[in-house]
Amino acid sequence: MPYFRVTVPDPDLPADVQRALAEGLTRLAVTVLRKDRARTIVHLNLVPADRYYVAGTPLAGREAHVEASLTAGTNSAAEKAAFIAAADELLSDLLGPHPRSGVALHELHPESYGYNGVTQLDYYRRVAAAPAAAPEAPAAPVAVAVAAR
């Protein structure tokens, strides 16, 4: 269940670009991070350029920053690296060249992260009890580690 917050210093970013950002990050969550499309959230945070600082001065061009909240242990280092590279490419494709963009993946413990009032720990326990009913299963080592708690 990833949650993406994308900060772009352009409050007038065209609706088609906004939609393409949301669709692109959702696609990457599914294809690269193996997440469930129906549980993927993208929040666009469009701010005025004078509220986005680089090197201590207001922005002079278009930049972007993506932050993702993910359940800890559900993705390999290779998957996370591939996502960061693909997300940066998506930003460049949609927003133009940017010398300073960032992608941060925040991994949250399954006991401290939830969706629709259910912790990820409880969600994964339910997945283990009924594997055919769950669209998003964690990697095997995570299921074992979570089940052992």
C-alpha atoms as a PDB file:
ATOM      1  CA  MET A   1       0.000   0.000   0.000  1.00  0.00           C
ATOM      2  CA  PRO A   2       2.231   2.818  -1.151  1.00  0.00           C
ATOM      3  CA  TYR A   3       1.468   6.471  -0.592  1.00  0.00           C
ATOM      4  CA  PHE A   4       3.271   8.924  -2.869  1.00  0.00           C
ATOM      5  CA  ARG A   5       3.511  12.654  -2.244  1.00  0.00           C
ATOM      6  CA  VAL A   6       4.853  14.550  -5.233  1.00  0.00           C
ATOM      7  CA  THR A   7       5.883  18.169  -4.642  1.00  0.00           C
ATOM      8  CA  VAL A   8       6.127  20.280  -7.774  1.00  0.00           C
ATOM      9  CA  PRO A   9       6.725  24.042  -7.565  1.00  0.00           C
ATOM     10  CA  ASP A  10       4.095  24.914 -10.158  1.00  0.00           C
ATOM     11  CA  PRO A  11       0.550  25.567  -8.914  1.00  0.00           C
ATOM     12  CA  ASP A  12      -0.576  25.865 -12.543  1.00  0.00           C
ATOM     13  CA  LEU A  13       0.740  22.479 -13.657  1.00  0.00           C
ATOM     14  CA  PRO A  14      -1.608  21.389 -16.458  1.00  0.00           C
ATOM     15  CA  ALA A  15      -4.213  18.780 -15.532  1.00  0.00           C
ATOM     16  CA  ASP A  16      -2.962  16.336 -18.168  1.00  0.00           C
ATOM     17  CA  VAL A  17       0.560  16.459 -16.687  1.00  0.00           C
ATOM     18  CA  GLN A  18      -0.862  15.971 -13.185  1.00  0.00           C
ATOM     19  CA  ARG A  19      -2.823  12.947 -14.369  1.00  0.00           C
ATOM     20  CA  ALA A  20       0.239  11.561 -16.180  1.00  0.00           C
ATOM     21  CA  LEU A  21       2.321  11.903 -12.988  1.00  0.00           C
ATOM     22  CA  ALA A  22      -0.308  10.063 -10.951  1.00  0.00           C
ATOM     23  CA  GLU A  23      -0.762   7.353 -13.579  1.00  0.00           C
ATOM     24  CA  GLY A  24       2.982   6.973 -14.128  1.00  0.00           C
ATOM     25  CA  LEU A  25       3.804   6.583 -10.433  1.00  0.00           C
ATOM     26  CA  THR A  26       0.927   4.151 -10.003  1.00  0.00           C
ATOM     27  CA  ARG A  27       2.199   2.100 -12.954  1.00  0.00           C
ATOM     28  CA  LEU A  28       5.719   2.051 -11.469  1.00  0.00           C
ATOM     29  CA  ALA A  29       4.348   1.019  -8.070  1.00  0.00           C
ATOM     30  CA  VAL A  30       2.655  -1.957  -9.717  1.00  0.00           C
ATOM     31  CA  THR A  31       5.353  -2.979 -12.189  1.00  0.00           C
ATOM     32  CA  VAL A  32       8.533  -2.211 -10.249  1.00  0.00           C
ATOM     33  CA  LEU A  33       7.523  -2.419  -6.584  1.00  0.00           C
ATOM     34  CA  ARG A  34       4.860  -5.164  -7.011  1.00  0.00           C
ATOM     35  CA  LYS A  35       2.139  -3.129  -5.279  1.00  0.00           C
ATOM     36  CA  ASP A  36      -1.615  -3.386  -5.677  1.00  0.00           C
ATOM     37  CA  ARG A  37      -2.954  -0.707  -8.018  1.00  0.00           C
ATOM     38  CA  ALA A  38      -6.186  -0.379  -6.020  1.00  0.00           C
ATOM     39  CA  ARG A  39      -4.211   0.429  -2.851  1.00  0.00           C
ATOM     40  CA  THR A  40      -1.795   2.942  -4.419  1.00  0.00           C
ATOM     41  CA  ILE A  41      -2.289   6.600  -3.484  1.00  0.00           C
ATOM     42  CA  VAL A  42      -0.675   9.578  -5.254  1.00  0.00           C
ATOM     43  CA  HIS A  43      -0.957  13.048  -3.705  1.00  0.00           C
ATOM     44  CA  LEU A  44       0.183  15.966  -5.837  1.00  0.00           C
ATOM     45  CA  ASN A  45       1.423  18.909  -3.805  1.00  0.00           C
ATOM     46  CA  LEU A  46       1.638  21.864  -6.197  1.00  0.00           C
ATOM     47  CA  VAL A  47       3.328  24.828  -4.546  1.00  0.00           C
ATOM     48  CA  PRO A  48       4.391  28.303  -5.691  1.00  0.00           C
ATOM     49  CA  ALA A  49       8.032  28.440  -6.792  1.00  0.00           C
ATOM     50  CA  ASP A  50       8.816  31.000  -4.081  1.00  0.00           C
ATOM     51  CA  ARG A  51       8.017  28.321  -1.476  1.00  0.00           C
ATOM     52  CA  TYR A  52      10.462  25.784  -2.911  1.00  0.00           C
ATOM     53  CA  TYR A  53      14.099  26.528  -2.142  1.00  0.00           C
ATOM     54  CA  VAL A  54      17.255  25.054  -3.596  1.00  0.00           C
ATOM     55  CA  ALA A  55      20.620  26.082  -2.138  1.00  0.00           C
ATOM     56  CA  GLY A  56      18.794  28.499   0.145  1.00  0.00           C
ATOM     57  CA  THR A  57      17.224  30.537  -2.644  1.00  0.00           C
ATOM     58  CA  PRO A  58      13.795  30.355  -4.266  1.00  0.00           C
ATOM     59  CA  LEU A  59      13.608  28.065  -7.249  1.00  0.00           C
ATOM     60  CA  ALA A  60      14.505  29.461 -10.652  1.00  0.00           C
ATOM     61  CA  GLY A  61      13.268  26.472 -12.698  1.00  0.00           C
ATOM     62  CA  ARG A  62      10.995  23.490 -12.430  1.00  0.00           C
ATOM     63  CA  GLU A  63      11.998  20.769  -9.963  1.00  0.00           C
ATOM     64  CA  ALA A  64      10.166  17.965  -8.210  1.00  0.00           C
ATOM     65  CA  HIS A  65      10.431  15.703  -5.209  1.00  0.00           C
ATOM     66  CA  VAL A  66       8.714  12.357  -4.704  1.00  0.00           C
ATOM     67  CA  GLU A  67       8.304  10.787  -1.279  1.00  0.00           C
ATOM     68  CA  ALA A  68       6.854   7.320  -0.901  1.00  0.00           C
ATOM     69  CA  SER A  69       5.674   5.538   2.219  1.00  0.00           C
ATOM     70  CA  LEU A  70       6.144   1.789   1.881  1.00  0.00           C
ATOM     71  CA  THR A  71       5.833  -1.121   4.250  1.00  0.00           C
ATOM     72  CA  ALA A  72       9.321  -2.007   5.462  1.00  0.00           C
ATOM     73  CA  GLY A  73      10.775  -5.191   4.079  1.00  0.00           C
ATOM     74  CA  THR A  74       8.393  -5.621   1.161  1.00  0.00           C
ATOM     75  CA  ASN A  75      10.876  -4.617  -1.545  1.00  0.00           C
ATOM     76  CA  SER A  76      14.437  -5.581  -2.362  1.00  0.00           C
ATOM     77  CA  ALA A  77      17.261  -3.073  -2.718  1.00  0.00           C
ATOM     78  CA  ALA A  78      17.240  -3.726  -6.477  1.00  0.00           C
ATOM     79  CA  GLU A  79      13.506  -2.975  -6.726  1.00  0.00           C
ATOM     80  CA  LYS A  80      13.908   0.258  -4.775  1.00  0.00           C
ATOM     81  CA  ALA A  81      16.859   1.354  -6.923  1.00  0.00           C
ATOM     82  CA  ALA A  82      14.926   0.543 -10.099  1.00  0.00           C
ATOM     83  CA  PHE A  83      11.936   2.516  -8.835  1.00  0.00           C
ATOM     84  CA  ILE A  84      14.062   5.568  -7.966  1.00  0.00           C
ATOM     85  CA  ALA A  85      15.661   5.543 -11.431  1.00  0.00           C
ATOM     86  CA  ALA A  86      12.326   5.050 -13.224  1.00  0.00           C
ATOM     87  CA  ALA A  87      10.582   7.729 -11.144  1.00  0.00           C
ATOM     88  CA  ASP A  88      13.354  10.217 -11.931  1.00  0.00           C
ATOM     89  CA  GLU A  89      12.993   9.399 -15.627  1.00  0.00           C
ATOM     90  CA  LEU A  90       9.221   9.895 -15.375  1.00  0.00           C
ATOM     91  CA  LEU A  91       9.741  13.312 -13.770  1.00  0.00           C
ATOM     92  CA  SER A  92      12.153  14.330 -16.527  1.00  0.00           C
ATOM     93  CA  ASP A  93       9.813  13.095 -19.253  1.00  0.00           C
ATOM     94  CA  LEU A  94       6.805  14.960 -17.863  1.00  0.00           C
ATOM     95  CA  LEU A  95       8.363  18.078 -16.342  1.00  0.00           C
ATOM     96  CA  GLY A  96      11.406  18.587 -18.533  1.00  0.00           C
ATOM     97  CA  PRO A  97      15.062  18.414 -17.547  1.00  0.00           C
ATOM     98  CA  HIS A  98      15.677  19.162 -13.901  1.00  0.00           C
ATOM     99  CA  PRO A  99      19.112  19.247 -12.342  1.00  0.00           C
ATOM    100  CA  ARG A 100      17.867  18.598  -8.815  1.00  0.00           C
ATOM    101  CA  SER A 101      15.025  16.218  -8.202  1.00  0.00           C
ATOM    102  CA  GLY A 102      14.642  13.713  -5.453  1.00  0.00           C
ATOM    103  CA  VAL A 103      12.916  10.438  -4.786  1.00  0.00           C
ATOM    104  CA  ALA A 104      12.757   9.222  -1.190  1.00  0.00           C
ATOM    105  CA  LEU A 105      11.383   5.884  -0.090  1.00  0.00           C
ATOM    106  CA  HIS A 106      10.330   5.877   3.554  1.00  0.00           C
ATOM    107  CA  GLU A 107       9.938   2.359   4.884  1.00  0.00           C
ATOM    108  CA  LEU A 108       7.500   2.069   7.755  1.00  0.00           C
ATOM    109  CA  HIS A 109       7.161  -0.876  10.101  1.00  0.00           C
ATOM    110  CA  PRO A 110       3.995  -2.892   9.362  1.00  0.00           C
ATOM    111  CA  GLU A 111       2.759  -2.293  12.926  1.00  0.00           C
ATOM    112  CA  SER A 112       3.002   1.481  12.368  1.00  0.00           C
ATOM    113  CA  TYR A 113       1.446   1.782   8.919  1.00  0.00           C
ATOM    114  CA  GLY A 114      -2.060   1.077   7.754  1.00  0.00           C
ATOM    115  CA  TYR A 115      -4.798   1.529   5.197  1.00  0.00           C
ATOM    116  CA  ASN A 116      -8.534   1.817   5.849  1.00  0.00           C
ATOM    117  CA  GLY A 117      -7.993   1.338   9.568  1.00  0.00           C
ATOM    118  CA  VAL A 118      -6.034  -1.916   9.234  1.00  0.00           C
ATOM    119  CA  THR A 119      -2.325  -2.096   9.959  1.00  0.00           C
ATOM    120  CA  GLN A 120      -0.136  -3.612   7.296  1.00  0.00           C
ATOM    121  CA  LEU A 121       0.813  -6.289   9.826  1.00  0.00           C
ATOM    122  CA  ASP A 122      -2.835  -7.335  10.135  1.00  0.00           C
ATOM    123  CA  TYR A 123      -3.303  -7.070   6.378  1.00  0.00           C
ATOM    124  CA  TYR A 124      -0.379  -9.440   5.748  1.00  0.00           C
ATOM    125  CA  ARG A 125      -1.681 -11.851   8.394  1.00  0.00           C
ATOM    126  CA  ARG A 126      -4.998 -11.914   6.539  1.00  0.00           C
ATOM    127  CA  VAL A 127      -3.133 -12.485   3.267  1.00  0.00           C
ATOM    128  CA  ALA A 128      -1.327 -15.459   4.796  1.00  0.00           C
ATOM    129  CA  ALA A 129      -4.620 -16.906   6.050  1.00  0.00           C
ATOM    130  CA  ALA A 130      -6.340 -16.533   2.654  1.00  0.00           C
ATOM    131  CA  PRO A 131      -3.632 -16.134  -0.026  1.00  0.00           C
ATOM    132  CA  ALA A 132      -6.019 -16.398  -3.009  1.00  0.00           C
ATOM    133  CA  ALA A 133      -8.064 -13.438  -1.765  1.00  0.00           C
ATOM    134  CA  ALA A 134      -5.191 -10.937  -1.602  1.00  0.00           C
ATOM    135  CA  PRO A 135      -3.899  -9.086  -4.658  1.00  0.00           C
ATOM    136  CA  GLU A 136      -0.717  -7.777  -2.984  1.00  0.00           C
ATOM    137  CA  ALA A 137       1.455 -10.348  -1.261  1.00  0.00           C
ATOM    138  CA  PRO A 138       4.795  -9.392   0.281  1.00  0.00           C
ATOM    139  CA  ALA A 139       8.022 -11.136  -0.582  1.00  0.00           C
ATOM    140  CA  ALA A 140       8.361 -14.480   1.218  1.00  0.00           C
ATOM    141  CA  PRO A 141      10.991 -13.318   3.775  1.00  0.00           C
ATOM    142  CA  VAL A 142       8.682 -10.500   4.901  1.00  0.00           C
ATOM    143  CA  ALA A 143       5.714 -12.830   5.382  1.00  0.00           C
ATOM    144  CA  VAL A 144       7.865 -15.133   7.508  1.00  0.00           C
ATOM    145  CA  ALA A 145       9.296 -12.245   9.540  1.00  0.00           C
ATOM    146  CA  VAL A 146       5.874 -10.654  10.056  1.00  0.00           C
ATOM    147  CA  ALA A 147       4.207 -13.949  10.938  1.00  0.00           C
ATOM    148  CA  ALA A 148       6.907 -14.675  13.509  1.00  0.00           C
ATOM    149  CA  ARG A 149       6.157 -11.511  15.489  1.00  0.00           C
END
